[in-house]
Every structure is written in C-alpha cells, then in structure tokens.
Amino acid sequence: MSDLRGHSPRRYVVDVSGRRVLVGLTLEETSEFEGLDTSLPVRGGEAQGAELVPSAVEGRWLELYDKHDKAWIQWKADLRAGQAGNSPFFN
C-alpha cells in the first residue's frame, strides 16, 4: 500500500454551520480522519515493493480519504461546469 499522506493537499471548506470540514465529510468524519492521520506511522523504504494488508486503522483512514477524494473530484468537476452551488458534498 502506498502512503498517500502528504502527497495530496487537504481540501477544507466551511460547511453550512460555519465549521471547517473536508469536502464530502461530516464534521465528525473530518475530526476522525485528522486523528487517524496523525496517529498512523509513516512507512519508510521497507514497505516499497511489498503489498501489505492495511490495519483496521489504516483501512478506516483509506475509507475516509476515498470518500473525501471522490467528493473533491466531483466538486471540482461541478466548479468547471458552473454547478458548484448545487453540490451535495457540503454536509
């Protein structure tokens, strides 16, 4: 598994309640993601070339990251199409 942390920008927005959240995640999911992100060990060169099974914590981090990343991609596409105001990704 590749370590995606630090390779993609964090994409925060302000939700309808004025709270800073990651696009596509709720406030609770954003908080959980940030906690997981800081608690995961950084993998070094020993993991290169090896297909490692993610731990439960890593799996949850990947699940939240994937949800966020898909929402970000769709939001950017909506922006380009001029439909950003109708986006369902702001929880």
N, C-alpha and C. Protein backbone atom coordinates (compact mmCIF):
# COMPACT_ATOMS: atom_id res chain seq x y z
N MET A 1 0.85 -1.18 0.00
CA MET A 1 0.00 0.00 0.00
C MET A 1 0.89 1.23 0.00
N SER A 2 0.56 2.17 -0.81
CA SER A 2 1.32 3.42 -0.86
C SER A 2 0.88 4.34 0.25
N ASP A 3 1.80 5.10 0.77
CA ASP A 3 1.47 6.08 1.80
C ASP A 3 1.06 7.36 1.10
N LEU A 4 -0.24 7.69 1.13
CA LEU A 4 -0.77 8.85 0.44
C LEU A 4 -0.64 10.13 1.25
N ARG A 5 -0.37 10.01 2.55
CA ARG A 5 -0.29 11.19 3.39
C ARG A 5 0.82 12.11 2.92
N GLY A 6 0.50 13.39 2.85
CA GLY A 6 1.49 14.37 2.47
C GLY A 6 1.66 14.53 0.97
N HIS A 7 0.99 13.71 0.18
CA HIS A 7 1.12 13.79 -1.27
C HIS A 7 -0.05 14.50 -1.93
N SER A 8 -1.13 14.68 -1.23
CA SER A 8 -2.29 15.37 -1.77
C SER A 8 -2.67 16.50 -0.82
N PRO A 9 -3.11 17.61 -1.36
CA PRO A 9 -3.48 18.72 -0.48
C PRO A 9 -4.76 18.41 0.30
N ARG A 10 -4.84 18.92 1.49
CA ARG A 10 -6.08 18.83 2.24
C ARG A 10 -7.04 19.86 1.67
N ARG A 11 -8.26 19.47 1.51
CA ARG A 11 -9.22 20.33 0.84
C ARG A 11 -10.39 20.60 1.77
N TYR A 12 -10.22 21.67 2.54
CA TYR A 12 -11.23 22.05 3.51
C TYR A 12 -12.18 23.09 2.92
N VAL A 13 -13.40 23.05 3.43
CA VAL A 13 -14.41 24.06 3.11
C VAL A 13 -15.12 24.40 4.42
N VAL A 14 -15.92 25.42 4.38
CA VAL A 14 -16.74 25.77 5.54
C VAL A 14 -18.14 25.23 5.26
N ASP A 15 -18.67 24.43 6.19
CA ASP A 15 -20.00 23.85 5.98
C ASP A 15 -21.09 24.88 6.27
N VAL A 16 -22.35 24.46 6.14
CA VAL A 16 -23.48 25.38 6.31
C VAL A 16 -23.57 25.93 7.73
N SER A 17 -22.93 25.25 8.68
CA SER A 17 -22.93 25.72 10.07
C SER A 17 -21.69 26.54 10.39
N GLY A 18 -20.85 26.82 9.39
CA GLY A 18 -19.67 27.63 9.61
C GLY A 18 -18.48 26.87 10.15
N ARG A 19 -18.51 25.55 10.07
CA ARG A 19 -17.40 24.73 10.58
C ARG A 19 -16.50 24.29 9.43
N ARG A 20 -15.22 24.19 9.70
CA ARG A 20 -14.23 23.78 8.70
C ARG A 20 -14.23 22.26 8.60
N VAL A 21 -14.56 21.74 7.40
CA VAL A 21 -14.60 20.30 7.17
C VAL A 21 -13.94 19.98 5.83
N LEU A 22 -13.55 18.73 5.69
CA LEU A 22 -13.05 18.27 4.40
C LEU A 22 -14.23 18.05 3.47
N VAL A 23 -14.07 18.43 2.20
CA VAL A 23 -15.14 18.25 1.21
C VAL A 23 -15.61 16.80 1.26
N GLY A 24 -16.92 16.60 1.35
CA GLY A 24 -17.50 15.27 1.32
C GLY A 24 -17.59 14.57 2.66
N LEU A 25 -16.97 15.12 3.71
CA LEU A 25 -17.01 14.50 5.03
C LEU A 25 -17.82 15.37 5.99
N THR A 26 -18.39 14.72 6.96
CA THR A 26 -19.08 15.44 8.03
C THR A 26 -18.04 15.99 8.99
N LEU A 27 -18.49 16.81 9.93
CA LEU A 27 -17.58 17.32 10.96
C LEU A 27 -16.96 16.17 11.74
N GLU A 28 -17.76 15.18 12.09
CA GLU A 28 -17.28 14.03 12.85
C GLU A 28 -16.26 13.22 12.04
N GLU A 29 -16.56 13.01 10.75
CA GLU A 29 -15.63 12.27 9.90
C GLU A 29 -14.33 13.04 9.70
N THR A 30 -14.42 14.36 9.56
CA THR A 30 -13.22 15.18 9.41
C THR A 30 -12.35 15.06 10.66
N SER A 31 -12.97 15.13 11.82
CA SER A 31 -12.23 15.01 13.08
C SER A 31 -11.60 13.62 13.19
N GLU A 32 -12.35 12.59 12.84
CA GLU A 32 -11.83 11.22 12.89
C GLU A 32 -10.65 11.07 11.92
N PHE A 33 -10.81 11.58 10.69
CA PHE A 33 -9.75 11.49 9.70
C PHE A 33 -8.47 12.17 10.19
N GLU A 34 -8.61 13.37 10.73
CA GLU A 34 -7.44 14.10 11.22
C GLU A 34 -6.75 13.33 12.35
N GLY A 35 -7.54 12.74 13.24
CA GLY A 35 -6.96 11.95 14.33
C GLY A 35 -6.23 10.72 13.82
N LEU A 36 -6.85 10.03 12.87
CA LEU A 36 -6.20 8.86 12.28
C LEU A 36 -4.93 9.26 11.53
N ASP A 37 -5.01 10.36 10.82
CA ASP A 37 -3.89 10.82 10.01
C ASP A 37 -2.65 11.09 10.86
N THR A 38 -2.85 11.67 12.02
CA THR A 38 -1.71 11.97 12.88
C THR A 38 -1.22 10.76 13.66
N SER A 39 -2.06 9.72 13.77
CA SER A 39 -1.66 8.55 14.56
C SER A 39 -1.01 7.45 13.73
N LEU A 40 -1.14 7.51 12.42
CA LEU A 40 -0.56 6.46 11.58
C LEU A 40 0.95 6.62 11.47
N PRO A 41 1.67 5.53 11.54
CA PRO A 41 3.12 5.63 11.36
C PRO A 41 3.43 5.89 9.89
N VAL A 42 4.50 6.62 9.66
CA VAL A 42 4.95 6.87 8.29
C VAL A 42 5.78 5.67 7.87
N ARG A 43 5.40 5.11 6.73
CA ARG A 43 6.14 3.94 6.25
C ARG A 43 7.37 4.39 5.48
N GLY A 44 8.45 3.70 5.75
CA GLY A 44 9.70 4.01 5.07
C GLY A 44 9.95 3.07 3.91
N GLY A 45 11.18 2.96 3.51
CA GLY A 45 11.58 2.17 2.36
C GLY A 45 11.30 0.68 2.49
N GLU A 46 11.13 0.18 3.70
CA GLU A 46 10.92 -1.26 3.87
C GLU A 46 9.60 -1.74 3.26
N ALA A 47 8.66 -0.83 3.05
CA ALA A 47 7.36 -1.21 2.51
C ALA A 47 7.34 -1.15 0.98
N GLN A 48 8.36 -0.62 0.37
CA GLN A 48 8.37 -0.49 -1.08
C GLN A 48 8.42 -1.86 -1.73
N GLY A 49 7.54 -2.05 -2.71
CA GLY A 49 7.51 -3.30 -3.44
C GLY A 49 6.72 -4.39 -2.75
N ALA A 50 6.43 -4.24 -1.50
CA ALA A 50 5.66 -5.24 -0.77
C ALA A 50 4.20 -4.82 -0.72
N GLU A 51 3.32 -5.76 -0.95
CA GLU A 51 1.88 -5.49 -0.87
C GLU A 51 1.44 -5.84 0.55
N LEU A 52 1.29 -4.83 1.39
CA LEU A 52 0.95 -5.04 2.78
C LEU A 52 -0.55 -4.90 2.98
N VAL A 53 -1.09 -5.70 3.88
CA VAL A 53 -2.50 -5.61 4.22
C VAL A 53 -2.66 -4.48 5.23
N PRO A 54 -3.55 -3.51 4.94
CA PRO A 54 -3.70 -2.39 5.88
C PRO A 54 -4.33 -2.85 7.19
N SER A 55 -3.94 -2.20 8.27
CA SER A 55 -4.56 -2.45 9.57
C SER A 55 -5.97 -1.88 9.55
N ALA A 56 -6.74 -2.14 10.59
CA ALA A 56 -8.10 -1.58 10.68
C ALA A 56 -8.05 -0.07 10.69
N VAL A 57 -7.08 0.52 11.37
CA VAL A 57 -6.94 1.97 11.43
C VAL A 57 -6.60 2.51 10.04
N GLU A 58 -5.65 1.87 9.37
CA GLU A 58 -5.28 2.30 8.02
C GLU A 58 -6.46 2.14 7.07
N GLY A 59 -7.21 1.05 7.24
CA GLY A 59 -8.38 0.82 6.39
C GLY A 59 -9.42 1.91 6.56
N ARG A 60 -9.66 2.32 7.80
CA ARG A 60 -10.62 3.40 8.05
C ARG A 60 -10.12 4.71 7.48
N TRP A 61 -8.82 4.99 7.64
CA TRP A 61 -8.23 6.20 7.05
C TRP A 61 -8.44 6.20 5.54
N LEU A 62 -8.17 5.06 4.91
CA LEU A 62 -8.34 4.96 3.46
C LEU A 62 -9.80 5.14 3.05
N GLU A 63 -10.71 4.59 3.84
CA GLU A 63 -12.14 4.74 3.56
C GLU A 63 -12.56 6.21 3.59
N LEU A 64 -12.14 6.92 4.62
CA LEU A 64 -12.47 8.34 4.73
C LEU A 64 -11.77 9.15 3.65
N TYR A 65 -10.51 8.83 3.38
CA TYR A 65 -9.77 9.55 2.34
C TYR A 65 -10.44 9.35 0.99
N ASP A 66 -10.85 8.12 0.70
CA ASP A 66 -11.50 7.82 -0.57
C ASP A 66 -12.82 8.57 -0.71
N LYS A 67 -13.60 8.61 0.36
CA LYS A 67 -14.87 9.34 0.33
C LYS A 67 -14.61 10.82 0.06
N HIS A 68 -13.63 11.38 0.75
CA HIS A 68 -13.27 12.78 0.56
C HIS A 68 -12.75 13.03 -0.86
N ASP A 69 -11.86 12.19 -1.32
CA ASP A 69 -11.23 12.39 -2.62
C ASP A 69 -12.26 12.32 -3.76
N LYS A 70 -13.18 11.38 -3.68
CA LYS A 70 -14.23 11.28 -4.70
C LYS A 70 -15.12 12.52 -4.70
N ALA A 71 -15.45 13.01 -3.53
CA ALA A 71 -16.27 14.22 -3.42
C ALA A 71 -15.50 15.42 -3.97
N TRP A 72 -14.20 15.50 -3.68
CA TRP A 72 -13.38 16.60 -4.18
C TRP A 72 -13.34 16.59 -5.71
N ILE A 73 -13.13 15.43 -6.28
CA ILE A 73 -13.08 15.32 -7.75
C ILE A 73 -14.41 15.76 -8.36
N GLN A 74 -15.52 15.31 -7.77
CA GLN A 74 -16.83 15.70 -8.28
C GLN A 74 -17.08 17.19 -8.09
N TRP A 75 -16.66 17.74 -6.95
CA TRP A 75 -16.85 19.16 -6.69
C TRP A 75 -16.07 20.00 -7.69
N LYS A 76 -14.82 19.59 -7.98
CA LYS A 76 -14.03 20.31 -8.97
C LYS A 76 -14.68 20.24 -10.35
N ALA A 77 -15.24 19.08 -10.70
CA ALA A 77 -15.94 18.95 -11.98
C ALA A 77 -17.17 19.86 -12.01
N ASP A 78 -17.89 19.92 -10.88
CA ASP A 78 -19.06 20.80 -10.79
C ASP A 78 -18.65 22.26 -10.93
N LEU A 79 -17.51 22.64 -10.34
CA LEU A 79 -17.00 24.01 -10.47
C LEU A 79 -16.73 24.35 -11.93
N ARG A 80 -16.08 23.42 -12.62
CA ARG A 80 -15.78 23.66 -14.03
C ARG A 80 -17.05 23.76 -14.86
N ALA A 81 -18.10 23.04 -14.46
CA ALA A 81 -19.36 23.06 -15.19
C ALA A 81 -20.28 24.19 -14.73
N GLY A 82 -19.84 24.97 -13.72
CA GLY A 82 -20.62 26.07 -13.23
C GLY A 82 -21.77 25.66 -12.31
N GLN A 83 -21.65 24.50 -11.67
CA GLN A 83 -22.71 23.97 -10.81
C GLN A 83 -22.30 23.85 -9.36
N ALA A 84 -21.29 24.55 -8.93
CA ALA A 84 -20.76 24.38 -7.57
C ALA A 84 -21.78 24.69 -6.49
N GLY A 85 -22.68 25.62 -6.73
CA GLY A 85 -23.67 25.99 -5.72
C GLY A 85 -24.67 24.90 -5.42
N ASN A 86 -24.80 23.92 -6.30
CA ASN A 86 -25.75 22.83 -6.10
C ASN A 86 -25.10 21.56 -5.61
N SER A 87 -23.86 21.64 -5.20
CA SER A 87 -23.11 20.45 -4.82
C SER A 87 -23.67 19.81 -3.53
N PRO A 88 -23.86 18.46 -3.57
CA PRO A 88 -24.34 17.77 -2.37
C PRO A 88 -23.23 17.39 -1.41
N PHE A 89 -22.00 17.85 -1.64
CA PHE A 89 -20.85 17.39 -0.87
C PHE A 89 -20.56 18.24 0.37
N PHE A 90 -21.38 19.21 0.64
CA PHE A 90 -21.19 20.02 1.84
C PHE A 90 -22.19 19.56 2.88
N ASN A 91 -21.67 18.86 3.89
CA ASN A 91 -22.52 18.25 4.91
C ASN A 91 -22.85 19.25 6.00
